[in-house]
N, C-alpha and C. Protein backbone atom coordinates (compact mmCIF):
# COMPACT_ATOMS: atom_id res chain seq x y z
N ASN A 1 -34.25 33.84 -2.73
CA ASN A 1 -33.08 33.01 -3.01
C ASN A 1 -33.53 31.61 -3.41
N LEU A 2 -33.14 31.18 -4.59
CA LEU A 2 -33.56 29.89 -5.11
C LEU A 2 -33.02 28.73 -4.29
N ARG A 3 -31.77 28.81 -3.86
CA ARG A 3 -31.16 27.73 -3.07
C ARG A 3 -31.98 27.46 -1.80
N ALA A 4 -32.50 28.51 -1.18
CA ALA A 4 -33.29 28.35 0.04
C ALA A 4 -34.62 27.67 -0.27
N ALA A 5 -35.18 27.90 -1.46
CA ALA A 5 -36.47 27.34 -1.83
C ALA A 5 -36.38 25.89 -2.27
N LEU A 6 -35.21 25.41 -2.62
CA LEU A 6 -35.04 24.06 -3.15
C LEU A 6 -34.42 23.15 -2.09
N PRO A 7 -35.18 22.17 -1.59
CA PRO A 7 -34.62 21.24 -0.60
C PRO A 7 -33.41 20.50 -1.17
N ALA A 8 -32.48 20.13 -0.30
CA ALA A 8 -31.22 19.51 -0.73
C ALA A 8 -31.44 18.25 -1.56
N HIS A 9 -32.42 17.43 -1.20
CA HIS A 9 -32.62 16.20 -1.97
C HIS A 9 -33.08 16.47 -3.40
N TYR A 10 -33.58 17.65 -3.68
CA TYR A 10 -33.89 18.02 -5.06
C TYR A 10 -32.67 18.57 -5.77
N ALA A 11 -31.88 19.38 -5.10
CA ALA A 11 -30.67 19.93 -5.72
C ALA A 11 -29.75 18.80 -6.18
N ASP A 12 -29.76 17.68 -5.46
CA ASP A 12 -28.93 16.53 -5.82
C ASP A 12 -29.42 15.83 -7.08
N MET A 13 -30.60 16.18 -7.58
CA MET A 13 -31.15 15.57 -8.78
C MET A 13 -30.63 16.23 -10.06
N VAL A 14 -29.96 17.37 -9.94
CA VAL A 14 -29.48 18.12 -11.12
C VAL A 14 -28.04 17.72 -11.41
N TYR A 15 -27.80 17.23 -12.62
CA TYR A 15 -26.46 16.79 -13.03
C TYR A 15 -26.03 17.51 -14.29
N ARG A 16 -24.74 17.80 -14.36
CA ARG A 16 -24.14 18.34 -15.59
C ARG A 16 -23.89 17.15 -16.51
N ILE A 17 -24.43 17.23 -17.73
CA ILE A 17 -24.24 16.13 -18.68
C ILE A 17 -23.27 16.50 -19.80
N SER A 18 -22.99 17.80 -19.95
CA SER A 18 -21.97 18.26 -20.90
C SER A 18 -21.53 19.65 -20.45
N HIS A 19 -20.65 20.22 -21.21
CA HIS A 19 -20.13 21.55 -20.84
C HIS A 19 -21.24 22.58 -20.67
N ARG A 20 -22.29 22.48 -21.49
CA ARG A 20 -23.35 23.49 -21.47
C ARG A 20 -24.74 22.92 -21.22
N GLU A 21 -24.83 21.72 -20.71
CA GLU A 21 -26.15 21.12 -20.49
C GLU A 21 -26.26 20.48 -19.12
N PHE A 22 -27.45 20.67 -18.52
CA PHE A 22 -27.79 20.05 -17.25
C PHE A 22 -29.07 19.25 -17.44
N GLN A 23 -29.19 18.19 -16.67
CA GLN A 23 -30.38 17.36 -16.75
C GLN A 23 -30.82 17.00 -15.34
N ILE A 24 -32.13 16.80 -15.18
CA ILE A 24 -32.68 16.38 -13.89
C ILE A 24 -32.90 14.88 -13.97
N VAL A 25 -32.36 14.15 -13.00
CA VAL A 25 -32.53 12.70 -12.97
C VAL A 25 -33.49 12.33 -11.84
N GLY A 26 -34.20 11.23 -12.02
CA GLY A 26 -35.09 10.74 -10.99
C GLY A 26 -36.47 11.35 -10.99
N LEU A 27 -36.87 12.00 -12.10
CA LEU A 27 -38.21 12.56 -12.17
C LEU A 27 -39.24 11.44 -12.34
N PRO A 28 -40.40 11.58 -11.73
CA PRO A 28 -41.44 10.55 -11.89
C PRO A 28 -42.02 10.59 -13.30
N GLU A 29 -42.72 9.50 -13.67
CA GLU A 29 -43.38 9.44 -14.97
C GLU A 29 -44.37 10.59 -15.08
N GLY A 30 -44.49 11.12 -16.28
CA GLY A 30 -45.43 12.20 -16.52
C GLY A 30 -44.81 13.58 -16.39
N ILE A 31 -43.60 13.67 -15.86
CA ILE A 31 -42.89 14.95 -15.78
C ILE A 31 -41.91 15.00 -16.94
N GLU A 32 -41.98 16.06 -17.70
CA GLU A 32 -41.15 16.25 -18.89
C GLU A 32 -39.66 16.05 -18.59
N ASP A 33 -39.01 15.20 -19.35
CA ASP A 33 -37.57 14.96 -19.22
C ASP A 33 -36.87 15.81 -20.28
N ARG A 34 -36.09 16.81 -19.83
CA ARG A 34 -35.45 17.71 -20.78
C ARG A 34 -34.10 18.15 -20.26
N THR A 35 -33.36 18.86 -21.10
CA THR A 35 -32.07 19.41 -20.68
C THR A 35 -32.20 20.92 -20.52
N PHE A 36 -31.27 21.49 -19.75
CA PHE A 36 -31.27 22.92 -19.44
C PHE A 36 -29.89 23.49 -19.74
N SER A 37 -29.85 24.77 -20.08
CA SER A 37 -28.57 25.38 -20.44
C SER A 37 -27.73 25.76 -19.22
N ASP A 38 -28.35 25.84 -18.05
CA ASP A 38 -27.58 26.08 -16.84
C ASP A 38 -28.30 25.47 -15.63
N ARG A 39 -27.57 25.36 -14.54
CA ARG A 39 -28.09 24.73 -13.32
C ARG A 39 -29.29 25.50 -12.76
N GLN A 40 -29.23 26.83 -12.83
CA GLN A 40 -30.32 27.64 -12.28
C GLN A 40 -31.64 27.35 -12.99
N GLN A 41 -31.61 27.20 -14.30
CA GLN A 41 -32.84 26.87 -15.03
C GLN A 41 -33.41 25.53 -14.56
N ALA A 42 -32.55 24.54 -14.37
CA ALA A 42 -33.01 23.22 -13.91
C ALA A 42 -33.61 23.33 -12.51
N GLU A 43 -32.97 24.08 -11.63
CA GLU A 43 -33.48 24.23 -10.26
C GLU A 43 -34.78 25.02 -10.25
N GLU A 44 -34.93 26.02 -11.12
CA GLU A 44 -36.18 26.77 -11.22
C GLU A 44 -37.31 25.85 -11.69
N PHE A 45 -37.00 24.95 -12.62
CA PHE A 45 -37.99 23.97 -13.08
C PHE A 45 -38.44 23.10 -11.91
N LEU A 46 -37.49 22.63 -11.11
CA LEU A 46 -37.82 21.79 -9.96
C LEU A 46 -38.70 22.54 -8.96
N VAL A 47 -38.34 23.79 -8.64
CA VAL A 47 -39.13 24.58 -7.69
C VAL A 47 -40.56 24.74 -8.20
N LYS A 48 -40.70 25.01 -9.48
CA LYS A 48 -42.03 25.19 -10.08
C LYS A 48 -42.87 23.92 -9.99
N HIS A 49 -42.23 22.76 -10.10
CA HIS A 49 -42.96 21.49 -10.13
C HIS A 49 -42.89 20.70 -8.82
N LEU A 50 -42.41 21.31 -7.73
CA LEU A 50 -42.28 20.59 -6.46
C LEU A 50 -43.56 19.90 -6.00
N PRO A 51 -44.72 20.56 -6.00
CA PRO A 51 -45.93 19.87 -5.51
C PRO A 51 -46.26 18.60 -6.30
N VAL A 52 -46.14 18.66 -7.62
CA VAL A 52 -46.45 17.49 -8.46
C VAL A 52 -45.42 16.39 -8.24
N ILE A 53 -44.14 16.77 -8.18
CA ILE A 53 -43.07 15.78 -7.97
C ILE A 53 -43.22 15.12 -6.61
N ASP A 54 -43.47 15.91 -5.57
CA ASP A 54 -43.65 15.35 -4.22
C ASP A 54 -44.80 14.35 -4.20
N LYS A 55 -45.89 14.72 -4.82
CA LYS A 55 -47.07 13.83 -4.81
C LYS A 55 -46.77 12.53 -5.55
N LYS A 56 -46.14 12.62 -6.72
CA LYS A 56 -45.85 11.41 -7.50
C LYS A 56 -44.79 10.53 -6.84
N LEU A 57 -43.80 11.15 -6.18
CA LEU A 57 -42.75 10.39 -5.52
C LEU A 57 -43.10 10.04 -4.07
N LYS A 58 -44.27 10.49 -3.62
CA LYS A 58 -44.76 10.26 -2.26
C LYS A 58 -43.80 10.81 -1.22
N ARG A 59 -43.28 12.01 -1.50
CA ARG A 59 -42.41 12.70 -0.55
C ARG A 59 -43.24 13.64 0.29
N GLY A 60 -42.80 13.87 1.50
CA GLY A 60 -43.49 14.82 2.36
C GLY A 60 -43.45 14.39 3.81
N PRO A 61 -44.25 15.06 4.65
CA PRO A 61 -44.26 14.73 6.07
C PRO A 61 -44.79 13.32 6.32
N ARG A 62 -44.18 12.64 7.27
CA ARG A 62 -44.58 11.27 7.60
C ARG A 62 -44.20 11.01 9.05
N ALA A 63 -44.95 10.18 9.72
CA ALA A 63 -44.62 9.79 11.10
C ALA A 63 -43.63 8.63 11.05
N CYS A 64 -42.58 8.71 11.85
CA CYS A 64 -41.57 7.65 11.94
C CYS A 64 -42.22 6.38 12.50
N LEU A 65 -41.94 5.23 11.90
CA LEU A 65 -42.51 3.97 12.37
C LEU A 65 -41.92 3.52 13.70
N CYS A 66 -40.78 4.07 14.07
CA CYS A 66 -40.12 3.67 15.32
C CYS A 66 -40.53 4.58 16.48
N CYS A 67 -40.36 5.89 16.32
CA CYS A 67 -40.59 6.82 17.44
C CYS A 67 -41.86 7.65 17.28
N THR A 68 -42.51 7.57 16.14
CA THR A 68 -43.74 8.29 15.77
C THR A 68 -43.58 9.81 15.61
N ARG A 69 -42.34 10.34 15.70
CA ARG A 69 -42.14 11.77 15.45
C ARG A 69 -42.29 12.05 13.96
N ASN A 70 -42.78 13.23 13.62
CA ASN A 70 -42.91 13.62 12.22
C ASN A 70 -41.56 14.01 11.65
N PHE A 71 -41.32 13.66 10.39
CA PHE A 71 -40.10 14.03 9.66
C PHE A 71 -40.47 14.14 8.20
N ILE A 72 -39.56 14.71 7.40
CA ILE A 72 -39.80 14.83 5.96
C ILE A 72 -39.24 13.59 5.27
N SER A 73 -40.13 12.79 4.71
CA SER A 73 -39.76 11.57 4.01
C SER A 73 -39.37 11.89 2.58
N THR A 74 -38.37 11.18 2.06
CA THR A 74 -37.96 11.39 0.66
C THR A 74 -38.58 10.38 -0.28
N GLY A 75 -39.48 9.53 0.21
CA GLY A 75 -40.15 8.58 -0.66
C GLY A 75 -40.69 7.38 0.09
N PRO A 76 -41.29 6.43 -0.64
CA PRO A 76 -41.95 5.29 -0.01
C PRO A 76 -41.04 4.41 0.85
N GLY A 77 -39.76 4.35 0.56
CA GLY A 77 -38.86 3.51 1.35
C GLY A 77 -38.26 4.21 2.55
N HIS A 78 -38.62 5.44 2.77
CA HIS A 78 -38.05 6.25 3.85
C HIS A 78 -39.09 6.38 4.96
N ARG A 79 -39.13 5.40 5.86
CA ARG A 79 -40.17 5.34 6.89
C ARG A 79 -39.64 5.64 8.29
N LEU A 80 -38.31 5.72 8.46
CA LEU A 80 -37.73 6.03 9.76
C LEU A 80 -37.05 7.39 9.70
N CYS A 81 -37.18 8.16 10.78
CA CYS A 81 -36.50 9.45 10.84
C CYS A 81 -34.99 9.22 10.92
N ASN A 82 -34.21 10.27 10.71
CA ASN A 82 -32.76 10.13 10.71
C ASN A 82 -32.22 9.64 12.05
N ASP A 83 -32.81 10.09 13.16
CA ASP A 83 -32.35 9.62 14.47
C ASP A 83 -32.53 8.11 14.62
N CYS A 84 -33.67 7.59 14.19
CA CYS A 84 -33.93 6.15 14.33
C CYS A 84 -33.12 5.32 13.32
N ARG A 85 -32.77 5.91 12.20
CA ARG A 85 -31.94 5.21 11.21
C ARG A 85 -30.49 5.16 11.63
N ASN A 86 -30.06 6.10 12.44
CA ASN A 86 -28.66 6.20 12.87
C ASN A 86 -28.47 5.46 14.19
N PRO A 87 -27.75 4.34 14.20
CA PRO A 87 -27.57 3.58 15.45
C PRO A 87 -26.75 4.32 16.49
N TYR A 88 -26.06 5.38 16.09
CA TYR A 88 -25.22 6.14 17.03
C TYR A 88 -25.89 7.44 17.47
N SER A 89 -27.17 7.57 17.23
CA SER A 89 -27.89 8.78 17.59
C SER A 89 -27.86 9.00 19.11
N GLU A 90 -27.61 10.25 19.50
CA GLU A 90 -27.60 10.59 20.92
C GLU A 90 -28.98 10.39 21.53
N ARG A 91 -30.03 10.67 20.77
CA ARG A 91 -31.38 10.53 21.28
C ARG A 91 -31.68 9.09 21.67
N LEU A 92 -31.22 8.14 20.89
CA LEU A 92 -31.48 6.72 21.19
C LEU A 92 -30.57 6.18 22.27
N ALA A 93 -29.45 6.82 22.51
CA ALA A 93 -28.50 6.34 23.50
C ALA A 93 -28.95 6.67 24.93
N LEU A 94 -29.89 7.59 25.05
CA LEU A 94 -30.33 8.00 26.39
C LEU A 94 -31.13 6.94 27.11
């Protein structure tokens, strides 16, 4: 199942630009910028290029600067896990 293989933050990169065209936004330099005839083709392209995109965008596992737990970072500006970013987190309220 392609949906299971594609993390949500990548699925959000696919946009419909016309009735019959989809485009991927936010690709790093060096990754081909093109249009696709359907959403599935665009998502298949993303799945195929995930390792290169992750490396260029510096996405992947990272230790939270606040609690030191590991989480999946979406890029260089994402240094805190979701619990530490959320002031109403149950974990922090304890």
